[in-house]
Amino acid sequence: MDKRGKNVLIFSIIFLLTVSFVSAGVLDFIRDLPNLITGRATSATTSLNITVGNAAPTVGSVVTIPSQSVTESGLTAVAFTFTASDTDGVGNLNDASAEASFYNPAEELRTNLSCNWLSDLDTTTANYSCTVELWYWDGSGTYTVHANISDINGAKGANDTTQFSLSETTAMVMAPNSLAWTSLSLTSTDQKSSSNPIKVNNTANKDITAGNVKVTAINLGGETTPSDYLLVDTFSVNTADACEGTPMVNGTATAVSGSTITAGNNTAGSGSEDLYFCVESVTGGISSQAYSTTNTGAWTVGVS
């Protein structure tokens, strides 16, 4: 084939390729053909991995709490404030997560899970108020205040450097407040009161130990013949539903043997003692009549 023939052949091949590519709709392929032939890319993809840091909040100052005492048969509300800071800004603090508790290793944990936002002190610090309640049976001693808060990312800050003192309180109530016997004769023995038992509730936080539940009994005077007395040395007080308990002494606070009343939740049946009164025998030589405390003075049940 001569030179002219070669040129014609080459032209024909190029023409056929061009027609083929155009018919396939790949003109862009032809335009990028030089890059494909040389291996040079004109675009590429990349992946990203960015870590955005989060600073955990801190609980700064917890206001000083003065010494507290319990409220008889009730709750004592202890109010205080604390501050929380976040270097990411106060908007990063989760106000709804602010909470506080009072801790004493010998007592139940007292907690408030919904402390309240008071105000923003600056761009990074806010002030919160909280009230934690103490029950009347919570024991005396030192309590640690634990205040904490989380940010919107779940990081938590806490402070437990503040403490306060809870004092010891002694109190009681009893029911019923009167004693009666359905019937006694001059020869009666071992007659238990129809009012039994007298229930004594410890309504504060002092544990009443042995020897500190006492009954002061006073001789009963005759209502018809005041010169006759039913003497209290014929009476006894027991912690069981039985006679033969602790004998009474006129006008003297006498400890009831075996009686103790630890502090506790009276509603749940704790922190109480039942006392049972008995006439062991009737004083000899007295007349048959009504005898009472009307002219001589009431009996007293006390704790210390």
Foldseek 3Di string as FASTA:
>chain_A
DDPVVVVVVVVVVVVVVVVVCVVVVPVVCVVCVVCVVVVDDDDDDDDDDDDDDFFWKAKDDKDAFEEAEADFLFKDKGKTKTKMWGPVWPLQWDQQQKWKWKDDPVFDIWIDRGWGWDAAPDGTMTMIMDITMDAQQTAWDKIWMKIKTGTPVGHMYIDTPHMYTYDFDWDKDKPDPDWAFPDDDQWDFFGWTPRFWIKIAGRGHDKFDAQFWWKADAWWAFPVHRVFTFDQQQKAKAQDQGGPWHGHDHRDTGTTGPDIFHRDNVVVPHRMTIMIMTRRHTDPPGDDGDTHCPPPHDMDTGGD
